[in-house]
N, C-alpha and C. Protein backbone atom coordinates (compact mmCIF):
# COMPACT_ATOMS: atom_id res chain seq x y z
N MET A 1 20.05 5.65 -17.57
CA MET A 1 21.43 5.43 -17.21
C MET A 1 21.52 5.15 -15.73
N LEU A 2 21.84 3.96 -15.37
CA LEU A 2 21.95 3.54 -13.99
C LEU A 2 23.41 3.60 -13.60
N ASN A 3 23.74 4.47 -12.69
CA ASN A 3 25.12 4.67 -12.31
C ASN A 3 25.31 4.29 -10.86
N SER A 4 26.17 3.32 -10.60
CA SER A 4 26.53 2.99 -9.23
C SER A 4 27.91 3.56 -8.98
N GLU A 5 28.08 4.15 -7.83
CA GLU A 5 29.37 4.74 -7.52
C GLU A 5 29.55 4.77 -6.01
N LEU A 6 30.77 4.95 -5.60
CA LEU A 6 31.08 5.08 -4.19
C LEU A 6 30.93 6.54 -3.82
N LEU A 7 30.09 6.83 -2.83
CA LEU A 7 29.83 8.20 -2.43
C LEU A 7 30.35 8.39 -1.02
N VAL A 8 31.19 9.37 -0.84
CA VAL A 8 31.65 9.74 0.49
C VAL A 8 31.02 11.09 0.78
N ASN A 9 30.12 11.11 1.74
CA ASN A 9 29.41 12.34 2.06
C ASN A 9 29.77 12.73 3.47
N LYS A 10 30.58 13.76 3.62
CA LYS A 10 31.05 14.17 4.93
C LYS A 10 29.91 14.67 5.81
N SER A 11 28.87 15.23 5.21
CA SER A 11 27.76 15.72 6.02
C SER A 11 26.98 14.58 6.65
N PHE A 12 26.97 13.39 6.01
CA PHE A 12 26.33 12.23 6.61
C PHE A 12 27.30 11.51 7.55
N GLY A 13 28.58 11.69 7.34
CA GLY A 13 29.57 10.99 8.15
C GLY A 13 29.65 9.51 7.80
N ILE A 14 29.21 9.15 6.61
CA ILE A 14 29.23 7.74 6.23
C ILE A 14 29.78 7.60 4.81
N GLU A 15 30.28 6.44 4.53
CA GLU A 15 30.70 6.10 3.17
C GLU A 15 29.79 4.99 2.72
N SER A 16 29.18 5.16 1.57
CA SER A 16 28.25 4.13 1.13
C SER A 16 28.23 4.03 -0.38
N ASN A 17 27.85 2.86 -0.86
CA ASN A 17 27.60 2.70 -2.29
C ASN A 17 26.19 3.19 -2.54
N VAL A 18 26.00 3.96 -3.59
CA VAL A 18 24.67 4.47 -3.90
C VAL A 18 24.36 4.18 -5.35
N THR A 19 23.09 4.17 -5.66
CA THR A 19 22.64 4.00 -7.02
C THR A 19 21.77 5.18 -7.37
N ARG A 20 22.09 5.84 -8.48
CA ARG A 20 21.24 6.91 -8.99
C ARG A 20 20.37 6.30 -10.06
N PHE A 21 19.11 6.71 -10.10
CA PHE A 21 18.15 6.09 -10.99
C PHE A 21 18.00 6.83 -12.30
N GLY A 22 17.73 6.10 -13.36
CA GLY A 22 17.51 6.71 -14.65
C GLY A 22 17.51 5.69 -15.77
N ASN A 23 17.31 4.43 -15.46
CA ASN A 23 17.35 3.37 -16.47
C ASN A 23 15.94 2.82 -16.71
N PRO A 24 15.33 3.12 -17.85
CA PRO A 24 13.97 2.66 -18.09
C PRO A 24 13.84 1.15 -18.24
N THR A 25 14.93 0.43 -18.42
CA THR A 25 14.84 -1.02 -18.58
C THR A 25 15.17 -1.77 -17.30
N SER A 26 15.44 -1.04 -16.23
CA SER A 26 15.79 -1.67 -14.96
C SER A 26 14.60 -2.46 -14.41
N LYS A 27 14.85 -3.66 -13.91
CA LYS A 27 13.77 -4.47 -13.37
C LYS A 27 14.06 -4.74 -11.90
N HIS A 28 13.50 -3.87 -11.06
CA HIS A 28 13.70 -3.99 -9.62
C HIS A 28 12.34 -4.08 -8.92
N HIS A 29 12.36 -4.26 -7.63
CA HIS A 29 11.18 -4.40 -6.80
C HIS A 29 10.23 -3.22 -6.97
N SER A 30 8.95 -3.50 -6.92
CA SER A 30 7.93 -2.46 -7.04
C SER A 30 7.31 -2.19 -5.68
N PHE A 31 6.96 -0.92 -5.41
CA PHE A 31 6.27 -0.58 -4.18
C PHE A 31 4.83 -1.04 -4.28
N SER A 32 4.29 -1.62 -3.22
CA SER A 32 2.94 -2.12 -3.28
C SER A 32 2.04 -1.53 -2.20
N ALA A 33 2.58 -0.75 -1.29
CA ALA A 33 1.77 -0.18 -0.22
C ALA A 33 0.74 0.79 -0.79
N PRO A 34 -0.49 0.77 -0.27
CA PRO A 34 -1.53 1.65 -0.78
C PRO A 34 -1.13 3.14 -0.70
N SER A 35 -0.42 3.52 0.32
CA SER A 35 -0.02 4.91 0.49
C SER A 35 1.15 5.29 -0.42
N ALA A 36 1.72 4.31 -1.12
CA ALA A 36 2.86 4.60 -1.99
C ALA A 36 2.47 5.57 -3.10
N ALA A 37 1.26 5.47 -3.62
CA ALA A 37 0.82 6.38 -4.68
C ALA A 37 0.83 7.82 -4.17
N ASP A 38 0.31 8.03 -2.96
CA ASP A 38 0.31 9.37 -2.37
C ASP A 38 1.74 9.86 -2.16
N MET A 39 2.61 8.97 -1.72
CA MET A 39 4.00 9.33 -1.50
C MET A 39 4.65 9.75 -2.82
N PHE A 40 4.41 9.00 -3.89
CA PHE A 40 5.02 9.34 -5.18
C PHE A 40 4.52 10.68 -5.70
N VAL A 41 3.25 11.00 -5.46
CA VAL A 41 2.73 12.30 -5.88
C VAL A 41 3.47 13.41 -5.15
N ARG A 42 3.67 13.25 -3.87
CA ARG A 42 4.40 14.27 -3.09
C ARG A 42 5.88 14.32 -3.50
N LEU A 43 6.50 13.17 -3.76
CA LEU A 43 7.89 13.14 -4.18
C LEU A 43 8.08 13.84 -5.53
N SER A 44 7.06 13.80 -6.37
CA SER A 44 7.13 14.49 -7.65
C SER A 44 7.36 15.98 -7.43
N SER A 45 6.63 16.55 -6.51
CA SER A 45 6.79 17.97 -6.19
C SER A 45 8.15 18.24 -5.55
N LEU A 46 8.54 17.38 -4.63
CA LEU A 46 9.82 17.57 -3.94
C LEU A 46 11.01 17.39 -4.87
N SER A 47 10.85 16.62 -5.93
CA SER A 47 11.96 16.40 -6.86
C SER A 47 12.25 17.65 -7.69
N GLU A 48 11.37 18.63 -7.63
CA GLU A 48 11.60 19.90 -8.31
C GLU A 48 12.68 20.72 -7.59
N HIS A 49 12.87 20.45 -6.30
CA HIS A 49 13.89 21.14 -5.51
C HIS A 49 15.27 20.65 -5.94
N LYS A 50 16.25 21.45 -5.73
CA LYS A 50 17.62 21.06 -6.10
C LYS A 50 18.29 20.35 -4.92
N GLN A 51 17.62 19.35 -4.41
CA GLN A 51 18.11 18.53 -3.30
C GLN A 51 17.82 17.07 -3.62
N TRP A 52 18.43 16.18 -2.85
CA TRP A 52 18.27 14.75 -3.05
C TRP A 52 16.96 14.24 -2.46
N ILE A 53 16.46 13.17 -3.04
CA ILE A 53 15.43 12.34 -2.42
C ILE A 53 16.14 11.03 -2.12
N LEU A 54 16.26 10.74 -0.84
CA LEU A 54 17.04 9.59 -0.40
C LEU A 54 16.13 8.44 0.04
N PHE A 55 16.41 7.25 -0.46
CA PHE A 55 15.75 6.03 -0.03
C PHE A 55 16.77 5.26 0.81
N THR A 56 16.40 4.88 2.02
CA THR A 56 17.33 4.11 2.84
C THR A 56 17.52 2.73 2.22
N GLY A 57 18.59 2.08 2.61
CA GLY A 57 18.90 0.75 2.08
C GLY A 57 17.89 -0.31 2.47
N GLU A 58 17.10 -0.03 3.49
CA GLU A 58 16.10 -1.00 3.93
C GLU A 58 14.82 -0.92 3.10
N CYS A 59 14.73 0.07 2.23
CA CYS A 59 13.57 0.23 1.33
C CYS A 59 13.82 -0.55 0.04
N PRO A 60 12.74 -1.03 -0.57
CA PRO A 60 12.93 -1.63 -1.90
C PRO A 60 13.34 -0.54 -2.89
N ARG A 61 14.09 -0.91 -3.87
CA ARG A 61 14.55 0.04 -4.89
C ARG A 61 13.36 0.43 -5.77
N PRO A 62 13.13 1.72 -5.93
CA PRO A 62 12.01 2.14 -6.79
C PRO A 62 12.33 1.84 -8.25
N GLN A 63 11.31 1.51 -9.01
CA GLN A 63 11.49 1.22 -10.42
C GLN A 63 11.37 2.49 -11.23
N TYR A 64 12.11 2.51 -12.32
CA TYR A 64 12.10 3.69 -13.18
C TYR A 64 10.69 4.04 -13.62
N HIS A 65 9.90 3.04 -14.03
CA HIS A 65 8.56 3.33 -14.54
C HIS A 65 7.66 3.95 -13.46
N GLU A 66 7.88 3.59 -12.19
CA GLU A 66 7.11 4.20 -11.11
C GLU A 66 7.49 5.67 -10.94
N LEU A 67 8.79 5.94 -11.01
CA LEU A 67 9.25 7.32 -10.87
C LEU A 67 8.78 8.15 -12.07
N ALA A 68 8.95 7.63 -13.26
CA ALA A 68 8.57 8.36 -14.48
C ALA A 68 7.06 8.58 -14.54
N ALA A 69 6.28 7.62 -14.10
CA ALA A 69 4.82 7.75 -14.13
C ALA A 69 4.33 8.91 -13.28
N HIS A 70 5.11 9.24 -12.25
CA HIS A 70 4.75 10.35 -11.36
C HIS A 70 5.58 11.61 -11.64
N GLN A 71 6.31 11.58 -12.74
CA GLN A 71 7.14 12.72 -13.16
C GLN A 71 8.13 13.14 -12.07
N ILE A 72 8.78 12.15 -11.49
CA ILE A 72 9.81 12.39 -10.48
C ILE A 72 11.15 12.45 -11.20
N HIS A 73 11.92 13.48 -10.93
CA HIS A 73 13.23 13.63 -11.56
C HIS A 73 14.17 12.55 -11.02
N CYS A 74 14.47 11.57 -11.85
CA CYS A 74 15.29 10.43 -11.45
C CYS A 74 16.71 10.83 -11.09
N SER A 75 17.18 11.94 -11.63
CA SER A 75 18.55 12.37 -11.37
C SER A 75 18.73 12.85 -9.93
N ARG A 76 17.65 12.99 -9.21
CA ARG A 76 17.74 13.47 -7.82
C ARG A 76 17.43 12.36 -6.80
N ILE A 77 17.35 11.13 -7.28
CA ILE A 77 17.04 9.99 -6.42
C ILE A 77 18.32 9.23 -6.09
N ILE A 78 18.50 8.93 -4.81
CA ILE A 78 19.62 8.08 -4.38
C ILE A 78 19.06 6.97 -3.49
N HIS A 79 19.40 5.74 -3.82
CA HIS A 79 19.05 4.59 -2.99
C HIS A 79 20.33 4.17 -2.28
N MET A 80 20.36 4.37 -0.97
CA MET A 80 21.56 4.06 -0.19
C MET A 80 21.64 2.57 0.11
N LYS A 81 22.84 2.09 0.25
CA LYS A 81 23.05 0.71 0.70
C LYS A 81 22.84 0.67 2.21
N PRO A 82 22.38 -0.47 2.75
CA PRO A 82 22.23 -0.57 4.21
C PRO A 82 23.59 -0.40 4.90
N SER A 83 23.59 0.30 6.00
CA SER A 83 24.81 0.53 6.76
C SER A 83 25.15 -0.71 7.58
N GLN A 84 26.42 -1.01 7.66
CA GLN A 84 26.88 -2.12 8.49
C GLN A 84 27.10 -1.69 9.94
N SER A 85 27.16 -0.37 10.17
CA SER A 85 27.51 0.11 11.50
C SER A 85 26.49 1.04 12.14
N GLN A 86 25.52 1.54 11.36
CA GLN A 86 24.56 2.49 11.91
C GLN A 86 23.13 2.02 11.65
N SER A 87 22.25 2.34 12.58
CA SER A 87 20.85 1.95 12.43
C SER A 87 20.17 2.81 11.37
N GLU A 88 19.04 2.33 10.89
CA GLU A 88 18.29 3.09 9.90
C GLU A 88 17.85 4.43 10.48
N ILE A 89 17.47 4.45 11.75
CA ILE A 89 17.06 5.70 12.40
C ILE A 89 18.21 6.70 12.37
N THR A 90 19.41 6.27 12.68
CA THR A 90 20.58 7.16 12.66
C THR A 90 20.84 7.68 11.26
N ILE A 91 20.72 6.83 10.27
CA ILE A 91 20.93 7.24 8.88
C ILE A 91 19.90 8.29 8.49
N VAL A 92 18.64 8.09 8.86
CA VAL A 92 17.59 9.06 8.53
C VAL A 92 17.87 10.39 9.23
N MET A 93 18.26 10.34 10.49
CA MET A 93 18.58 11.58 11.23
C MET A 93 19.70 12.35 10.54
N LYS A 94 20.76 11.65 10.17
CA LYS A 94 21.90 12.31 9.52
C LYS A 94 21.52 12.87 8.16
N ALA A 95 20.67 12.14 7.44
CA ALA A 95 20.21 12.62 6.13
C ALA A 95 19.41 13.91 6.29
N ILE A 96 18.53 13.95 7.27
CA ILE A 96 17.73 15.15 7.53
C ILE A 96 18.64 16.32 7.93
N GLN A 97 19.52 16.08 8.88
CA GLN A 97 20.38 17.13 9.42
C GLN A 97 21.40 17.65 8.41
N SER A 98 21.68 16.89 7.38
CA SER A 98 22.66 17.33 6.39
C SER A 98 22.17 18.53 5.60
N GLY A 99 20.86 18.67 5.47
CA GLY A 99 20.30 19.75 4.68
C GLY A 99 20.38 19.50 3.18
N ASN A 100 20.83 18.31 2.78
CA ASN A 100 20.99 17.97 1.36
C ASN A 100 19.78 17.27 0.77
N ALA A 101 18.78 16.95 1.60
CA ALA A 101 17.65 16.15 1.13
C ALA A 101 16.34 16.93 1.25
N SER A 102 15.54 16.86 0.20
CA SER A 102 14.19 17.41 0.29
C SER A 102 13.25 16.36 0.87
N ALA A 103 13.65 15.08 0.75
CA ALA A 103 12.85 13.99 1.29
C ALA A 103 13.73 12.79 1.60
N VAL A 104 13.30 12.04 2.60
CA VAL A 104 13.94 10.78 2.96
C VAL A 104 12.84 9.74 3.04
N VAL A 105 13.03 8.62 2.37
CA VAL A 105 12.07 7.52 2.42
C VAL A 105 12.72 6.39 3.20
N ALA A 106 12.06 5.97 4.27
CA ALA A 106 12.58 4.93 5.15
C ALA A 106 11.59 3.77 5.21
N SER A 107 12.06 2.65 5.70
CA SER A 107 11.19 1.48 5.83
C SER A 107 10.20 1.71 6.96
N GLY A 108 9.18 0.90 6.97
CA GLY A 108 8.19 0.97 8.05
C GLY A 108 8.61 0.19 9.27
N ASN A 109 9.85 -0.25 9.31
CA ASN A 109 10.34 -1.02 10.45
C ASN A 109 10.75 -0.13 11.62
N ILE A 110 10.66 1.18 11.44
CA ILE A 110 10.98 2.13 12.51
C ILE A 110 9.73 2.30 13.36
N ASP A 111 9.89 2.23 14.68
CA ASP A 111 8.72 2.31 15.57
C ASP A 111 8.00 3.65 15.43
N ILE A 112 6.73 3.67 15.78
CA ILE A 112 5.85 4.82 15.56
C ILE A 112 6.32 6.06 16.33
N VAL A 113 6.86 5.89 17.52
CA VAL A 113 7.35 7.04 18.30
C VAL A 113 8.55 7.67 17.59
N SER A 114 9.47 6.86 17.13
CA SER A 114 10.63 7.37 16.40
C SER A 114 10.20 8.02 15.09
N GLN A 115 9.19 7.45 14.44
CA GLN A 115 8.69 8.05 13.20
C GLN A 115 8.20 9.47 13.46
N LYS A 116 7.45 9.67 14.53
CA LYS A 116 6.93 11.01 14.85
C LYS A 116 8.06 11.97 15.14
N LEU A 117 9.06 11.51 15.88
CA LEU A 117 10.21 12.37 16.19
C LEU A 117 10.99 12.73 14.92
N LEU A 118 11.16 11.77 14.03
CA LEU A 118 11.87 12.04 12.78
C LEU A 118 11.09 13.02 11.90
N LYS A 119 9.77 12.91 11.90
CA LYS A 119 8.95 13.84 11.13
C LYS A 119 9.06 15.26 11.69
N GLN A 120 9.11 15.38 13.02
CA GLN A 120 9.29 16.69 13.64
C GLN A 120 10.65 17.28 13.27
N MET A 121 11.68 16.46 13.35
CA MET A 121 13.02 16.90 13.00
C MET A 121 13.06 17.33 11.54
N ALA A 122 12.46 16.54 10.68
CA ALA A 122 12.46 16.85 9.25
C ALA A 122 11.80 18.21 8.99
N ALA A 123 10.71 18.48 9.66
CA ALA A 123 10.01 19.76 9.47
C ALA A 123 10.92 20.93 9.82
N GLU A 124 11.74 20.78 10.84
CA GLU A 124 12.68 21.83 11.24
C GLU A 124 13.73 22.10 10.17
N TYR A 125 14.06 21.08 9.39
CA TYR A 125 15.08 21.20 8.35
C TYR A 125 14.48 21.35 6.95
N ARG A 126 13.18 21.60 6.88
CA ARG A 126 12.49 21.73 5.58
C ARG A 126 12.70 20.51 4.71
N CYS A 127 12.47 19.39 5.31
CA CYS A 127 12.62 18.09 4.67
C CYS A 127 11.36 17.29 4.99
N GLU A 128 11.03 16.32 4.19
CA GLU A 128 9.91 15.45 4.50
C GLU A 128 10.40 14.02 4.62
N VAL A 129 9.78 13.28 5.52
CA VAL A 129 10.14 11.88 5.73
C VAL A 129 8.91 11.03 5.46
N PHE A 130 9.12 9.96 4.71
CA PHE A 130 8.05 9.01 4.40
C PHE A 130 8.46 7.65 4.93
N PHE A 131 7.50 6.92 5.47
CA PHE A 131 7.75 5.59 5.98
C PHE A 131 6.88 4.61 5.21
N LEU A 132 7.52 3.62 4.61
CA LEU A 132 6.77 2.59 3.89
C LEU A 132 6.12 1.67 4.90
N GLU A 133 5.05 1.06 4.48
CA GLU A 133 4.39 0.09 5.37
C GLU A 133 5.30 -1.11 5.51
N PRO A 134 5.41 -1.64 6.75
CA PRO A 134 6.27 -2.83 6.92
C PRO A 134 5.74 -3.99 6.10
N THR A 135 6.65 -4.73 5.54
CA THR A 135 6.26 -5.89 4.74
C THR A 135 6.40 -7.14 5.57
N ALA A 136 5.44 -8.02 5.43
CA ALA A 136 5.50 -9.30 6.14
C ALA A 136 6.48 -10.20 5.41
N PRO A 137 7.26 -10.97 6.14
CA PRO A 137 8.19 -11.89 5.47
C PRO A 137 7.42 -12.91 4.64
N GLN A 138 7.94 -13.19 3.47
CA GLN A 138 7.29 -14.16 2.60
C GLN A 138 8.03 -15.49 2.69
N PHE A 139 7.27 -16.54 2.92
CA PHE A 139 7.86 -17.87 3.01
C PHE A 139 7.54 -18.63 1.73
N HIS A 140 8.52 -19.33 1.22
CA HIS A 140 8.32 -20.08 -0.02
C HIS A 140 8.09 -21.53 0.28
């Protein structure tokens, strides 16, 4: 069951459209980074917590079969839409500070220094942050 809805989260200070995952027939982008398998294994454990696993809007949407293959609770996954007014770094910071997320998955487009700072912040809030490998633009 794929449910899209308007979510107003005062702890994030943003209003965004979100998609909760749970549709086995959904055909969306697949993660291809080699470290993605390790990330999914860790997300499986984190999905046991009664908190959200948030994917920023700059990340590809995870496919149901990828989540199910790693026994990740789809009901705890939210894929946020990209913000029109805030940077991805700001969104990740707010997600961590909200205390509502056991994990945040962000794109690899965040610089390495900011990634380290976000990981430190996440540890303070008992949250984990994952960064996907940046994807090269594909030309047709």
